[in-house]
C-alpha atoms as a PDB file:
ATOM      1  CA  MET A   1     -18.321  37.538 -25.432  1.00  0.00           C
ATOM      2  CA  TRP A   2     -19.276  34.256 -24.918  1.00  0.00           C
ATOM      3  CA  THR A   3     -22.745  33.729 -23.332  1.00  0.00           C
ATOM      4  CA  LYS A   4     -23.450  30.858 -21.233  1.00  0.00           C
ATOM      5  CA  GLN A   5     -25.478  28.979 -23.769  1.00  0.00           C
ATOM      6  CA  GLN A   6     -22.494  29.317 -26.173  1.00  0.00           C
ATOM      7  CA  GLN A   7     -20.431  27.171 -23.715  1.00  0.00           C
ATOM      8  CA  LEU A   8     -22.721  24.825 -23.391  1.00  0.00           C
ATOM      9  CA  GLU A   9     -23.131  24.298 -26.689  1.00  0.00           C
ATOM     10  CA  THR A  10     -19.819  24.167 -27.457  1.00  0.00           C
ATOM     11  CA  PRO A  11     -18.480  20.729 -28.765  1.00  0.00           C
ATOM     12  CA  ALA A  12     -16.631  18.712 -24.916  1.00  0.00           C
ATOM     13  CA  ALA A  13     -12.851  17.136 -25.840  1.00  0.00           C
ATOM     14  CA  PRO A  14     -13.299  13.907 -27.106  1.00  0.00           C
ATOM     15  CA  PRO A  15     -12.196  11.073 -24.383  1.00  0.00           C
ATOM     16  CA  ALA A  16      -8.734  10.027 -24.595  1.00  0.00           C
ATOM     17  CA  PRO A  17      -8.494   6.652 -26.019  1.00  0.00           C
ATOM     18  CA  ALA A  18      -8.170   3.570 -23.333  1.00  0.00           C
ATOM     19  CA  SER A  19      -4.974   2.279 -24.446  1.00  0.00           C
ATOM     20  CA  ALA A  20      -4.448  -1.568 -23.224  1.00  0.00           C
ATOM     21  CA  PRO A  21      -1.941  -2.183 -20.971  1.00  0.00           C
ATOM     22  CA  SER A  22       1.690  -2.898 -21.644  1.00  0.00           C
ATOM     23  CA  VAL A  23       2.960  -6.167 -21.294  1.00  0.00           C
ATOM     24  CA  VAL A  24       6.493  -6.407 -19.738  1.00  0.00           C
ATOM     25  CA  PRO A  25       8.688  -9.329 -19.553  1.00  0.00           C
ATOM     26  CA  PHE A  26      10.154 -10.411 -16.434  1.00  0.00           C
ATOM     27  CA  ASN A  27      13.946  -9.813 -17.803  1.00  0.00           C
ATOM     28  CA  SER A  28      12.835  -6.358 -18.747  1.00  0.00           C
ATOM     29  CA  PRO A  29      15.258  -3.305 -17.187  1.00  0.00           C
ATOM     30  CA  LEU A  30      11.434  -2.075 -16.213  1.00  0.00           C
ATOM     31  CA  THR A  31      11.212  -5.349 -13.972  1.00  0.00           C
ATOM     32  CA  GLN A  32      14.762  -5.109 -12.133  1.00  0.00           C
ATOM     33  CA  ARG A  33      15.072  -4.889  -8.278  1.00  0.00           C
ATOM     34  CA  SER A  34      16.163  -1.816  -7.028  1.00  0.00           C
ATOM     35  CA  THR A  35      20.234  -1.540  -6.544  1.00  0.00           C
ATOM     36  CA  SER A  36      21.605  -1.130  -3.920  1.00  0.00           C
ATOM     37  CA  PRO A  37      24.227   1.535  -2.774  1.00  0.00           C
ATOM     38  CA  THR A  38      27.031  -0.845  -3.939  1.00  0.00           C
ATOM     39  CA  GLY A  39      25.174  -0.626  -7.235  1.00  0.00           C
ATOM     40  CA  ARG A  40      23.947  -4.661  -6.814  1.00  0.00           C
ATOM     41  CA  SER A  41      20.439  -5.831  -7.120  1.00  0.00           C
ATOM     42  CA  LEU A  42      18.435  -5.381  -3.981  1.00  0.00           C
ATOM     43  CA  ALA A  43      15.712  -7.648  -3.173  1.00  0.00           C
ATOM     44  CA  ARG A  44      13.372  -7.087  -0.297  1.00  0.00           C
ATOM     45  CA  LEU A  45      10.940  -8.971   1.944  1.00  0.00           C
ATOM     46  CA  GLY A  46       8.468  -7.189   3.218  1.00  0.00           C
ATOM     47  CA  ALA A  47       7.397  -6.411   7.206  1.00  0.00           C
ATOM     48  CA  ASN A  48       4.031  -8.490   6.491  1.00  0.00           C
ATOM     49  CA  LEU A  49       5.809 -11.420   4.648  1.00  0.00           C
ATOM     50  CA  TYR A  50       6.197 -14.734   7.418  1.00  0.00           C
ATOM     51  CA  ILE A  51       8.382 -17.580   5.303  1.00  0.00           C
ATOM     52  CA  LYS A  52       9.446 -20.879   7.026  1.00  0.00           C
ATOM     53  CA  GLY A  53      11.766 -22.964   4.627  1.00  0.00           C
ATOM     54  CA  HIS A  54      15.149 -22.396   3.211  1.00  0.00           C
ATOM     55  CA  LEU A  55      16.313 -19.137   2.000  1.00  0.00           C
ATOM     56  CA  SER A  56      18.928 -18.656  -0.233  1.00  0.00           C
ATOM     57  CA  GLY A  57      20.055 -16.634  -3.707  1.00  0.00           C
ATOM     58  CA  THR A  58      22.640 -14.725  -5.658  1.00  0.00           C
ATOM     59  CA  GLU A  59      21.680 -10.980  -4.909  1.00  0.00           C
ATOM     60  CA  ASP A  60      22.072  -8.694  -1.068  1.00  0.00           C
ATOM     61  CA  LEU A  61      18.405  -9.437   0.226  1.00  0.00           C
ATOM     62  CA  GLN A  62      16.348  -6.998   2.534  1.00  0.00           C
ATOM     63  CA  ILE A  63      14.881  -8.380   5.603  1.00  0.00           C
ATOM     64  CA  ASP A  64      11.894  -6.657   7.172  1.00  0.00           C
ATOM     65  CA  GLY A  65       9.161  -9.880   7.876  1.00  0.00           C
ATOM     66  CA  LYS A  66       9.727 -13.072   9.924  1.00  0.00           C
ATOM     67  CA  VAL A  67      12.147 -15.808   8.374  1.00  0.00           C
ATOM     68  CA  ASP A  68      12.163 -19.215  10.284  1.00  0.00           C
ATOM     69  CA  GLY A  69      14.764 -21.332   8.725  1.00  0.00           C
ATOM     70  CA  PRO A  70      18.511 -20.953   6.621  1.00  0.00           C
ATOM     71  CA  ILE A  71      19.507 -18.087   5.234  1.00  0.00           C
ATOM     72  CA  SER A  72      22.132 -18.834   2.377  1.00  0.00           C
ATOM     73  CA  LEU A  73      23.089 -15.378   0.148  1.00  0.00           C
ATOM     74  CA  LYS A  74      26.776 -16.035  -0.536  1.00  0.00           C
ATOM     75  CA  GLY A  75      29.020 -13.277  -1.309  1.00  0.00           C
ATOM     76  CA  HIS A  76      25.784 -11.300  -0.949  1.00  0.00           C
ATOM     77  CA  GLN A  77      24.487  -8.473   1.669  1.00  0.00           C
ATOM     78  CA  LEU A  78      21.589  -9.747   4.370  1.00  0.00           C
ATOM     79  CA  THR A  79      20.125  -6.867   5.781  1.00  0.00           C
ATOM     80  CA  VAL A  80      17.976  -7.769   8.722  1.00  0.00           C
ATOM     81  CA  GLY A  81      14.809  -4.670   8.599  1.00  0.00           C
ATOM     82  CA  SER A  82      14.166  -3.169  12.202  1.00  0.00           C
ATOM     83  CA  THR A  83      10.914  -4.921  11.673  1.00  0.00           C
ATOM     84  CA  ALA A  84      12.351  -8.532  11.417  1.00  0.00           C
ATOM     85  CA  VAL A  85      12.679 -11.847  13.219  1.00  0.00           C
ATOM     86  CA  LEU A  86      15.381 -14.044  12.179  1.00  0.00           C
ATOM     87  CA  ASN A  87      14.883 -17.576  13.673  1.00  0.00           C
ATOM     88  CA  SER A  88      18.183 -18.429  11.268  1.00  0.00           C
ATOM     89  CA  GLU A  89      21.703 -20.157  10.197  1.00  0.00           C
ATOM     90  CA  ILE A  90      23.221 -16.902   8.365  1.00  0.00           C
ATOM     91  CA  HIS A  91      25.875 -17.528   5.229  1.00  0.00           C
ATOM     92  CA  ALA A  92      26.091 -14.291   4.016  1.00  0.00           C
ATOM     93  CA  GLY A  93      29.521 -11.881   2.457  1.00  0.00           C
ATOM     94  CA  GLU A  94      28.000  -9.347   4.516  1.00  0.00           C
ATOM     95  CA  VAL A  95      25.361  -8.769   7.210  1.00  0.00           C
ATOM     96  CA  VAL A  96      24.001  -5.772   8.787  1.00  0.00           C
ATOM     97  CA  VAL A  97      21.103  -6.300  11.997  1.00  0.00           C
ATOM     98  CA  TYR A  98      18.674  -3.158  13.023  1.00  0.00           C
ATOM     99  CA  GLY A  99      16.568  -6.126  13.760  1.00  0.00           C
ATOM    100  CA  LYS A 100      16.572  -9.716  15.693  1.00  0.00           C
ATOM    101  CA  VAL A 101      18.641 -12.479  14.511  1.00  0.00           C
ATOM    102  CA  VAL A 102      18.640 -15.726  16.670  1.00  0.00           C
ATOM    103  CA  GLY A 103      20.948 -18.010  15.262  1.00  0.00           C
ATOM    104  CA  ASN A 104      24.372 -18.241  14.092  1.00  0.00           C
ATOM    105  CA  VAL A 105      25.908 -15.395  11.992  1.00  0.00           C
ATOM    106  CA  HIS A 106      28.699 -16.712   9.087  1.00  0.00           C
ATOM    107  CA  ALA A 107      29.951 -13.870   7.031  1.00  0.00           C
ATOM    108  CA  SER A 108      33.522 -13.827   4.373  1.00  0.00           C
ATOM    109  CA  GLY A 109      33.017  -9.657   5.139  1.00  0.00           C
ATOM    110  CA  ARG A 110      31.545  -7.685   7.743  1.00  0.00           C
ATOM    111  CA  VAL A 111      29.408  -7.573  10.304  1.00  0.00           C
ATOM    112  CA  ASP A 112      27.333  -4.817  11.664  1.00  0.00           C
ATOM    113  CA  VAL A 113      24.944  -5.311  14.423  1.00  0.00           C
ATOM    114  CA  LYS A 114      23.485  -1.458  14.812  1.00  0.00           C
ATOM    115  CA  THR A 115      22.009   0.478  17.862  1.00  0.00           C
ATOM    116  CA  ASP A 116      18.351  -1.108  18.125  1.00  0.00           C
ATOM    117  CA  GLY A 117      19.703  -4.707  16.545  1.00  0.00           C
ATOM    118  CA  SER A 118      20.021  -8.253  18.849  1.00  0.00           C
ATOM    119  CA  VAL A 119      22.364 -11.460  18.086  1.00  0.00           C
ATOM    120  CA  ILE A 120      21.535 -14.454  20.051  1.00  0.00           C
ATOM    121  CA  GLY A 121      24.034 -16.430  18.467  1.00  0.00           C
ATOM    122  CA  ASP A 122      27.349 -16.910  17.693  1.00  0.00           C
ATOM    123  CA  ILE A 123      28.971 -14.901  14.891  1.00  0.00           C
ATOM    124  CA  SER A 124      31.610 -15.756  12.771  1.00  0.00           C
ATOM    125  CA  THR A 125      33.353 -12.953  10.326  1.00  0.00           C
ATOM    126  CA  ALA A 126      36.753 -11.365   9.156  1.00  0.00           C
ATOM    127  CA  ARG A 127      35.180  -7.790  10.773  1.00  0.00           C
ATOM    128  CA  ILE A 128      32.334  -6.928  13.662  1.00  0.00           C
ATOM    129  CA  SER A 129      31.260  -3.427  14.877  1.00  0.00           C
ATOM    130  CA  ILE A 130      28.676  -3.900  17.456  1.00  0.00           C
ATOM    131  CA  GLU A 131      27.017  -0.150  17.931  1.00  0.00           C
ATOM    132  CA  ASP A 132      26.226   1.050  21.721  1.00  0.00           C
ATOM    133  CA  GLY A 133      22.937  -0.264  22.783  1.00  0.00           C
ATOM    134  CA  ALA A 134      22.807  -3.117  20.555  1.00  0.00           C
ATOM    135  CA  HIS A 135      22.303  -6.636  22.018  1.00  0.00           C
ATOM    136  CA  PHE A 136      24.723  -9.482  20.881  1.00  0.00           C
ATOM    137  CA  LYS A 137      24.747 -12.957  23.414  1.00  0.00           C
ATOM    138  CA  GLY A 138      26.806 -15.686  21.883  1.00  0.00           C
ATOM    139  CA  ARG A 139      31.037 -16.313  20.548  1.00  0.00           C
ATOM    140  CA  ILE A 140      32.611 -14.404  18.118  1.00  0.00           C
ATOM    141  CA  GLU A 141      35.530 -16.047  15.935  1.00  0.00           C
ATOM    142  CA  ILE A 142      37.532 -13.428  13.680  1.00  0.00           C
ATOM    143  CA  ASP A 143      39.264 -14.926  10.925  1.00  0.00           C
ATOM    144  CA  PRO A 144      40.392 -11.851   8.857  1.00  0.00           C
ATOM    145  CA  THR A 145      41.976 -14.359   6.224  1.00  0.00           C
ATOM    146  CA  LYS A 146      37.623 -15.175   4.938  1.00  0.00           C
ATOM    147  CA  SER A 147      37.470 -11.631   2.886  1.00  0.00           C
ATOM    148  CA  GLN A 148      40.863 -13.119   1.689  1.00  0.00           C
ATOM    149  CA  VAL A 149      39.389 -16.105   0.651  1.00  0.00           C
ATOM    150  CA  ALA A 150      36.140 -14.597  -0.209  1.00  0.00           C
ATOM    151  CA  ALA A 151      37.925 -12.056  -2.520  1.00  0.00           C
ATOM    152  CA  ASP A 152      39.682 -15.271  -4.946  1.00  0.00           C
END
């Protein structure tokens, strides 16, 4: 049996050596952004971000913050999160709106305005879906050939 004195005298395990923080190159697979359900790269702007100016990119984007200025994501999907407020002219492959958009929306694929979403501006797209409860004020131009041109 061990006594209290013997337990106190047993040496403690040596501390684990502190390892230096590893540096991961920016283009490493460890730093890649998440992937969307389509398997493509997905970038995200958080709810506390405000951007004023032109926003463009070559990957899918989800915005939860505020943007004042044009957005160009040719051939990629823009998701307007429920907390997002966009005062923007939008050009994208697909647009899904859960938040608020003030400005014209041009999509080569599909535009989905979800239940709590709002679009004030004209929509030009190949396909459109506006759910019950969504708010839309503007004109809609549906041109099915837009998706064929985008696919070429």
